[in-house]
Amino acid sequence: MAAPSSSDERLLTPGEVAGLFRVDPKTVTRWASAGRIGSIRTPGGHRRFRESEVRGLLADLTSEATLPPAHG
C-alpha cells in the first residue's frame, strides 16, 4: 500500500498526540515550540501534527526504551 500524500494524510490534535505519548497536551505544544516535533497551523491558529511523523517518533522512542543497555 502506498504511503499517503501530504495532502490527504491524517492530522492529529495535540490531545490525540498527548494520548499516544501519555503526556499532557501542553507538553506536546512545548515539544512543537522547541522543534522536537513538527506541526502545522490551521487557519484558526491551532496546531496539528502529521500522523506519520508522530507514529515514527513514537516508534523510535519505543524501540530506544526496549533496547538493552549499551556496554562500553
PDB file of N, CA and C in Angstrom:
ATOM      1  N   MET A   1       0.846  -1.186   0.000  1.00  0.00           N
ATOM      2  CA  MET A   1       0.000   0.000   0.000  1.00  0.00           C
ATOM      3  C   MET A   1       0.887   1.243   0.000  1.00  0.00           C
ATOM      4  N   ALA A   2       0.563   2.190  -0.812  1.00  0.00           N
ATOM      5  CA  ALA A   2       1.365   3.405  -0.931  1.00  0.00           C
ATOM      6  C   ALA A   2       1.160   4.313   0.272  1.00  0.00           C
ATOM      7  N   ALA A   3       2.208   5.038   0.619  1.00  0.00           N
ATOM      8  CA  ALA A   3       2.099   5.997   1.721  1.00  0.00           C
ATOM      9  C   ALA A   3       1.187   7.136   1.293  1.00  0.00           C
ATOM     10  N   PRO A   4       0.390   7.664   2.210  1.00  0.00           N
ATOM     11  CA  PRO A   4      -0.492   8.773   1.843  1.00  0.00           C
ATOM     12  C   PRO A   4       0.311  10.023   1.495  1.00  0.00           C
ATOM     13  N   SER A   5      -0.193  10.793   0.555  1.00  0.00           N
ATOM     14  CA  SER A   5       0.481  12.051   0.239  1.00  0.00           C
ATOM     15  C   SER A   5       0.208  13.039   1.358  1.00  0.00           C
ATOM     16  N   SER A   6       1.000  14.103   1.406  1.00  0.00           N
ATOM     17  CA  SER A   6       0.845  15.058   2.499  1.00  0.00           C
ATOM     18  C   SER A   6      -0.527  15.725   2.478  1.00  0.00           C
ATOM     19  N   SER A   7      -1.171  15.758   1.301  1.00  0.00           N
ATOM     20  CA  SER A   7      -2.458  16.442   1.214  1.00  0.00           C
ATOM     21  C   SER A   7      -3.606  15.632   1.826  1.00  0.00           C
ATOM     22  N   ASP A   8      -3.466  14.292   1.862  1.00  0.00           N
ATOM     23  CA  ASP A   8      -4.568  13.503   2.426  1.00  0.00           C
ATOM     24  C   ASP A   8      -4.157  12.756   3.687  1.00  0.00           C
ATOM     25  N   GLU A   9      -3.010  13.097   4.240  1.00  0.00           N
ATOM     26  CA  GLU A   9      -2.572  12.453   5.469  1.00  0.00           C
ATOM     27  C   GLU A   9      -3.391  12.962   6.649  1.00  0.00           C
ATOM     28  N   ARG A  10      -3.693  12.069   7.580  1.00  0.00           N
ATOM     29  CA  ARG A  10      -4.468  12.439   8.758  1.00  0.00           C
ATOM     30  C   ARG A  10      -3.635  13.343   9.658  1.00  0.00           C
ATOM     31  N   LEU A  11      -4.279  14.383  10.151  1.00  0.00           N
ATOM     32  CA  LEU A  11      -3.642  15.300  11.086  1.00  0.00           C
ATOM     33  C   LEU A  11      -4.224  15.073  12.471  1.00  0.00           C
ATOM     34  N   LEU A  12      -3.357  15.040  13.469  1.00  0.00           N
ATOM     35  CA  LEU A  12      -3.769  14.783  14.842  1.00  0.00           C
ATOM     36  C   LEU A  12      -3.772  16.079  15.641  1.00  0.00           C
ATOM     37  N   THR A  13      -4.672  16.154  16.595  1.00  0.00           N
ATOM     38  CA  THR A  13      -4.721  17.301  17.503  1.00  0.00           C
ATOM     39  C   THR A  13      -3.669  17.095  18.600  1.00  0.00           C
ATOM     40  N   PRO A  14      -3.311  18.157  19.311  1.00  0.00           N
ATOM     41  CA  PRO A  14      -2.392  17.978  20.443  1.00  0.00           C
ATOM     42  C   PRO A  14      -2.918  16.966  21.462  1.00  0.00           C
ATOM     43  N   GLY A  15      -4.224  16.944  21.671  1.00  0.00           N
ATOM     44  CA  GLY A  15      -4.805  15.984  22.606  1.00  0.00           C
ATOM     45  C   GLY A  15      -4.625  14.545  22.155  1.00  0.00           C
ATOM     46  N   GLU A  16      -4.774  14.294  20.851  1.00  0.00           N
ATOM     47  CA  GLU A  16      -4.587  12.937  20.327  1.00  0.00           C
ATOM     48  C   GLU A  16      -3.127  12.505  20.447  1.00  0.00           C
ATOM     49  N   VAL A  17      -2.207  13.431  20.139  1.00  0.00           N
ATOM     50  CA  VAL A  17      -0.781  13.132  20.259  1.00  0.00           C
ATOM     51  C   VAL A  17      -0.433  12.867  21.729  1.00  0.00           C
ATOM     52  N   ALA A  18      -0.969  13.688  22.611  1.00  0.00           N
ATOM     53  CA  ALA A  18      -0.722  13.525  24.039  1.00  0.00           C
ATOM     54  C   ALA A  18      -1.185  12.151  24.521  1.00  0.00           C
ATOM     55  N   GLY A  19      -2.314  11.691  24.008  1.00  0.00           N
ATOM     56  CA  GLY A  19      -2.812  10.377  24.391  1.00  0.00           C
ATOM     57  C   GLY A  19      -1.878   9.258  23.959  1.00  0.00           C
ATOM     58  N   LEU A  20      -1.287   9.393  22.785  1.00  0.00           N
ATOM     59  CA  LEU A  20      -0.359   8.370  22.300  1.00  0.00           C
ATOM     60  C   LEU A  20       0.905   8.312  23.156  1.00  0.00           C
ATOM     61  N   PHE A  21       1.392   9.486  23.562  1.00  0.00           N
ATOM     62  CA  PHE A  21       2.622   9.559  24.344  1.00  0.00           C
ATOM     63  C   PHE A  21       2.372   9.511  25.854  1.00  0.00           C
ATOM     64  N   ARG A  22       1.092   9.540  26.232  1.00  0.00           N
ATOM     65  CA  ARG A  22       0.706   9.551  27.649  1.00  0.00           C
ATOM     66  C   ARG A  22       1.321  10.736  28.389  1.00  0.00           C
ATOM     67  N   VAL A  23       1.174  11.910  27.779  1.00  0.00           N
ATOM     68  CA  VAL A  23       1.620  13.163  28.396  1.00  0.00           C
ATOM     69  C   VAL A  23       0.477  14.167  28.323  1.00  0.00           C
ATOM     70  N   ASP A  24       0.647  15.314  28.947  1.00  0.00           N
ATOM     71  CA  ASP A  24      -0.349  16.379  28.902  1.00  0.00           C
ATOM     72  C   ASP A  24      -0.290  17.063  27.533  1.00  0.00           C
ATOM     73  N   PRO A  25      -1.431  17.514  26.988  1.00  0.00           N
ATOM     74  CA  PRO A  25      -1.409  18.226  25.710  1.00  0.00           C
ATOM     75  C   PRO A  25      -0.477  19.444  25.704  1.00  0.00           C
ATOM     76  N   LYS A  26      -0.315  20.110  26.837  1.00  0.00           N
ATOM     77  CA  LYS A  26       0.605  21.252  26.895  1.00  0.00           C
ATOM     78  C   LYS A  26       2.045  20.816  26.654  1.00  0.00           C
ATOM     79  N   THR A  27       2.379  19.589  27.043  1.00  0.00           N
ATOM     80  CA  THR A  27       3.713  19.060  26.782  1.00  0.00           C
ATOM     81  C   THR A  27       3.940  18.929  25.283  1.00  0.00           C
ATOM     82  N   VAL A  28       2.941  18.448  24.569  1.00  0.00           N
ATOM     83  CA  VAL A  28       3.040  18.305  23.118  1.00  0.00           C
ATOM     84  C   VAL A  28       3.244  19.677  22.477  1.00  0.00           C
ATOM     85  N   THR A  29       2.529  20.674  22.949  1.00  0.00           N
ATOM     86  CA  THR A  29       2.684  22.039  22.435  1.00  0.00           C
ATOM     87  C   THR A  29       4.100  22.550  22.700  1.00  0.00           C
ATOM     88  N   ARG A  30       4.638  22.263  23.868  1.00  0.00           N
ATOM     89  CA  ARG A  30       6.020  22.676  24.174  1.00  0.00           C
ATOM     90  C   ARG A  30       7.014  21.982  23.252  1.00  0.00           C
ATOM     91  N   TRP A  31       6.799  20.681  22.983  1.00  0.00           N
ATOM     92  CA  TRP A  31       7.680  19.954  22.069  1.00  0.00           C
ATOM     93  C   TRP A  31       7.670  20.613  20.692  1.00  0.00           C
ATOM     94  N   ALA A  32       6.484  20.996  20.229  1.00  0.00           N
ATOM     95  CA  ALA A  32       6.371  21.643  18.919  1.00  0.00           C
ATOM     96  C   ALA A  32       7.092  22.988  18.925  1.00  0.00           C
ATOM     97  N   SER A  33       6.923  23.762  19.986  1.00  0.00           N
ATOM     98  CA  SER A  33       7.585  25.066  20.086  1.00  0.00           C
ATOM     99  C   SER A  33       9.102  24.915  20.100  1.00  0.00           C
ATOM    100  N   ALA A  34       9.586  23.831  20.703  1.00  0.00           N
ATOM    101  CA  ALA A  34      11.023  23.579  20.801  1.00  0.00           C
ATOM    102  C   ALA A  34      11.582  22.903  19.550  1.00  0.00           C
ATOM    103  N   GLY A  35      10.710  22.542  18.603  1.00  0.00           N
ATOM    104  CA  GLY A  35      11.165  21.902  17.372  1.00  0.00           C
ATOM    105  C   GLY A  35      11.397  20.407  17.496  1.00  0.00           C
ATOM    106  N   ARG A  36      10.953  19.811  18.582  1.00  0.00           N
ATOM    107  CA  ARG A  36      11.134  18.366  18.770  1.00  0.00           C
ATOM    108  C   ARG A  36      10.173  17.555  17.908  1.00  0.00           C
ATOM    109  N   ILE A  37       9.073  18.173  17.519  1.00  0.00           N
ATOM    110  CA  ILE A  37       8.083  17.511  16.670  1.00  0.00           C
ATOM    111  C   ILE A  37       7.503  18.582  15.745  1.00  0.00           C
ATOM    112  N   GLY A  38       7.341  18.228  14.476  1.00  0.00           N
ATOM    113  CA  GLY A  38       6.825  19.188  13.510  1.00  0.00           C
ATOM    114  C   GLY A  38       5.334  19.406  13.678  1.00  0.00           C
ATOM    115  N   SER A  39       4.887  20.619  13.405  1.00  0.00           N
ATOM    116  CA  SER A  39       3.453  20.896  13.487  1.00  0.00           C
ATOM    117  C   SER A  39       3.029  21.797  12.348  1.00  0.00           C
ATOM    118  N   ILE A  40       1.750  21.784  12.101  1.00  0.00           N
ATOM    119  CA  ILE A  40       1.120  22.604  11.065  1.00  0.00           C
ATOM    120  C   ILE A  40       0.118  23.492  11.781  1.00  0.00           C
ATOM    121  N   ARG A  41      -0.001  24.717  11.349  1.00  0.00           N
ATOM    122  CA  ARG A  41      -1.011  25.621  11.930  1.00  0.00           C
ATOM    123  C   ARG A  41      -2.232  25.642  11.029  1.00  0.00           C
ATOM    124  N   THR A  42      -3.403  25.501  11.621  1.00  0.00           N
ATOM    125  CA  THR A  42      -4.647  25.615  10.868  1.00  0.00           C
ATOM    126  C   THR A  42      -4.915  27.101  10.613  1.00  0.00           C
ATOM    127  N   PRO A  43      -5.835  27.416   9.710  1.00  0.00           N
ATOM    128  CA  PRO A  43      -6.184  28.830   9.505  1.00  0.00           C
ATOM    129  C   PRO A  43      -6.628  29.517  10.802  1.00  0.00           C
ATOM    130  N   GLY A  44      -7.177  28.761  11.744  1.00  0.00           N
ATOM    131  CA  GLY A  44      -7.602  29.329  13.017  1.00  0.00           C
ATOM    132  C   GLY A  44      -6.487  29.435  14.045  1.00  0.00           C
ATOM    133  N   GLY A  45      -5.260  28.994  13.672  1.00  0.00           N
ATOM    134  CA  GLY A  45      -4.118  29.103  14.563  1.00  0.00           C
ATOM    135  C   GLY A  45      -3.877  27.910  15.471  1.00  0.00           C
ATOM    136  N   HIS A  46      -4.632  26.832  15.271  1.00  0.00           N
ATOM    137  CA  HIS A  46      -4.450  25.637  16.094  1.00  0.00           C
ATOM    138  C   HIS A  46      -3.345  24.762  15.511  1.00  0.00           C
ATOM    139  N   ARG A  47      -2.655  24.035  16.371  1.00  0.00           N
ATOM    140  CA  ARG A  47      -1.607  23.125  15.909  1.00  0.00           C
ATOM    141  C   ARG A  47      -2.200  21.779  15.527  1.00  0.00           C
ATOM    142  N   ARG A  48      -1.654  21.217  14.465  1.00  0.00           N
ATOM    143  CA  ARG A  48      -1.986  19.854  14.066  1.00  0.00           C
ATOM    144  C   ARG A  48      -0.678  19.163  13.738  1.00  0.00           C
ATOM    145  N   PHE A  49      -0.666  17.834  13.912  1.00  0.00           N
ATOM    146  CA  PHE A  49       0.551  17.047  13.747  1.00  0.00           C
ATOM    147  C   PHE A  49       0.307  15.937  12.739  1.00  0.00           C
ATOM    148  N   ARG A  50       1.283  15.716  11.845  1.00  0.00           N
ATOM    149  CA  ARG A  50       1.157  14.651  10.851  1.00  0.00           C
ATOM    150  C   ARG A  50       1.220  13.306  11.559  1.00  0.00           C
ATOM    151  N   GLU A  51       0.222  12.464  11.282  1.00  0.00           N
ATOM    152  CA  GLU A  51       0.144  11.169  11.951  1.00  0.00           C
ATOM    153  C   GLU A  51       1.387  10.324  11.678  1.00  0.00           C
ATOM    154  N   SER A  52       1.904  10.334  10.446  1.00  0.00           N
ATOM    155  CA  SER A  52       3.067   9.511  10.127  1.00  0.00           C
ATOM    156  C   SER A  52       4.290   9.952  10.929  1.00  0.00           C
ATOM    157  N   GLU A  53       4.477  11.260  11.095  1.00  0.00           N
ATOM    158  CA  GLU A  53       5.618  11.758  11.863  1.00  0.00           C
ATOM    159  C   GLU A  53       5.478  11.380  13.335  1.00  0.00           C
ATOM    160  N   VAL A  54       4.269  11.533  13.866  1.00  0.00           N
ATOM    161  CA  VAL A  54       4.020  11.213  15.271  1.00  0.00           C
ATOM    162  C   VAL A  54       4.269   9.726  15.518  1.00  0.00           C
ATOM    163  N   ARG A  55       3.731   8.878  14.648  1.00  0.00           N
ATOM    164  CA  ARG A  55       3.901   7.435  14.839  1.00  0.00           C
ATOM    165  C   ARG A  55       5.358   7.023  14.664  1.00  0.00           C
ATOM    166  N   GLY A  56       6.091   7.683  13.754  1.00  0.00           N
ATOM    167  CA  GLY A  56       7.513   7.399  13.586  1.00  0.00           C
ATOM    168  C   GLY A  56       8.304   7.763  14.825  1.00  0.00           C
ATOM    169  N   LEU A  57       8.014   8.927  15.393  1.00  0.00           N
ATOM    170  CA  LEU A  57       8.684   9.361  16.612  1.00  0.00           C
ATOM    171  C   LEU A  57       8.361   8.421  17.766  1.00  0.00           C
ATOM    172  N   LEU A  58       7.110   8.035  17.853  1.00  0.00           N
ATOM    173  CA  LEU A  58       6.687   7.115  18.913  1.00  0.00           C
ATOM    174  C   LEU A  58       7.404   5.770  18.766  1.00  0.00           C
ATOM    175  N   ALA A  59       7.522   5.288  17.536  1.00  0.00           N
ATOM    176  CA  ALA A  59       8.213   4.015  17.288  1.00  0.00           C
ATOM    177  C   ALA A  59       9.684   4.121  17.660  1.00  0.00           C
ATOM    178  N   ASP A  60      10.332   5.243  17.317  1.00  0.00           N
ATOM    179  CA  ASP A  60      11.745   5.448  17.668  1.00  0.00           C
ATOM    180  C   ASP A  60      11.919   5.440  19.180  1.00  0.00           C
ATOM    181  N   LEU A  61      11.068   6.160  19.891  1.00  0.00           N
ATOM    182  CA  LEU A  61      11.177   6.238  21.345  1.00  0.00           C
ATOM    183  C   LEU A  61      10.900   4.888  21.988  1.00  0.00           C
ATOM    184  N   THR A  62       9.948   4.152  21.442  1.00  0.00           N
ATOM    185  CA  THR A  62       9.603   2.850  21.989  1.00  0.00           C
ATOM    186  C   THR A  62      10.746   1.868  21.779  1.00  0.00           C
ATOM    187  N   SER A  63      11.376   1.894  20.598  1.00  0.00           N
ATOM    188  CA  SER A  63      12.475   0.963  20.341  1.00  0.00           C
ATOM    189  C   SER A  63      13.683   1.323  21.196  1.00  0.00           C
ATOM    190  N   GLU A  64      13.932   2.620  21.416  1.00  0.00           N
ATOM    191  CA  GLU A  64      15.038   3.030  22.285  1.00  0.00           C
ATOM    192  C   GLU A  64      14.805   2.553  23.712  1.00  0.00           C
ATOM    193  N   ALA A  65      13.563   2.609  24.157  1.00  0.00           N
ATOM    194  CA  ALA A  65      13.241   2.224  25.529  1.00  0.00           C
ATOM    195  C   ALA A  65      13.379   0.727  25.749  1.00  0.00           C
ATOM    196  N   THR A  66      13.279  -0.069  24.678  1.00  0.00           N
ATOM    197  CA  THR A  66      13.335  -1.522  24.831  1.00  0.00           C
ATOM    198  C   THR A  66      14.684  -2.103  24.454  1.00  0.00           C
ATOM    199  N   LEU A  67      15.629  -1.269  24.014  1.00  0.00           N
ATOM    200  CA  LEU A  67      16.961  -1.759  23.681  1.00  0.00           C
ATOM    201  C   LEU A  67      17.715  -2.113  24.960  1.00  0.00           C
ATOM    202  N   PRO A  68      18.527  -3.163  24.895  1.00  0.00           N
ATOM    203  CA  PRO A  68      19.348  -3.474  26.083  1.00  0.00           C
ATOM    204  C   PRO A  68      20.377  -2.370  26.298  1.00  0.00           C
ATOM    205  N   PRO A  69      20.820  -2.155  27.514  1.00  0.00           N
ATOM    206  CA  PRO A  69      21.800  -1.100  27.765  1.00  0.00           C
ATOM    207  C   PRO A  69      23.107  -1.370  27.031  1.00  0.00           C
ATOM    208  N   ALA A  70      23.718  -0.298  26.536  1.00  0.00           N
ATOM    209  CA  ALA A  70      24.989  -0.427  25.821  1.00  0.00           C
ATOM    210  C   ALA A  70      26.102  -0.705  26.823  1.00  0.00           C
ATOM    211  N   HIS A  71      26.980  -1.599  26.446  1.00  0.00           N
ATOM    212  CA  HIS A  71      28.138  -1.904  27.312  1.00  0.00           C
ATOM    213  C   HIS A  71      29.355  -1.257  26.701  1.00  0.00           C
ATOM    214  N   GLY A  72      30.074  -0.474  27.485  1.00  0.00           N
ATOM    215  CA  GLY A  72      31.219   0.227  26.934  1.00  0.00           C
ATOM    216  C   GLY A  72      32.406   0.060  27.681  1.00  0.00           C
TER     217      GLY A  72
END
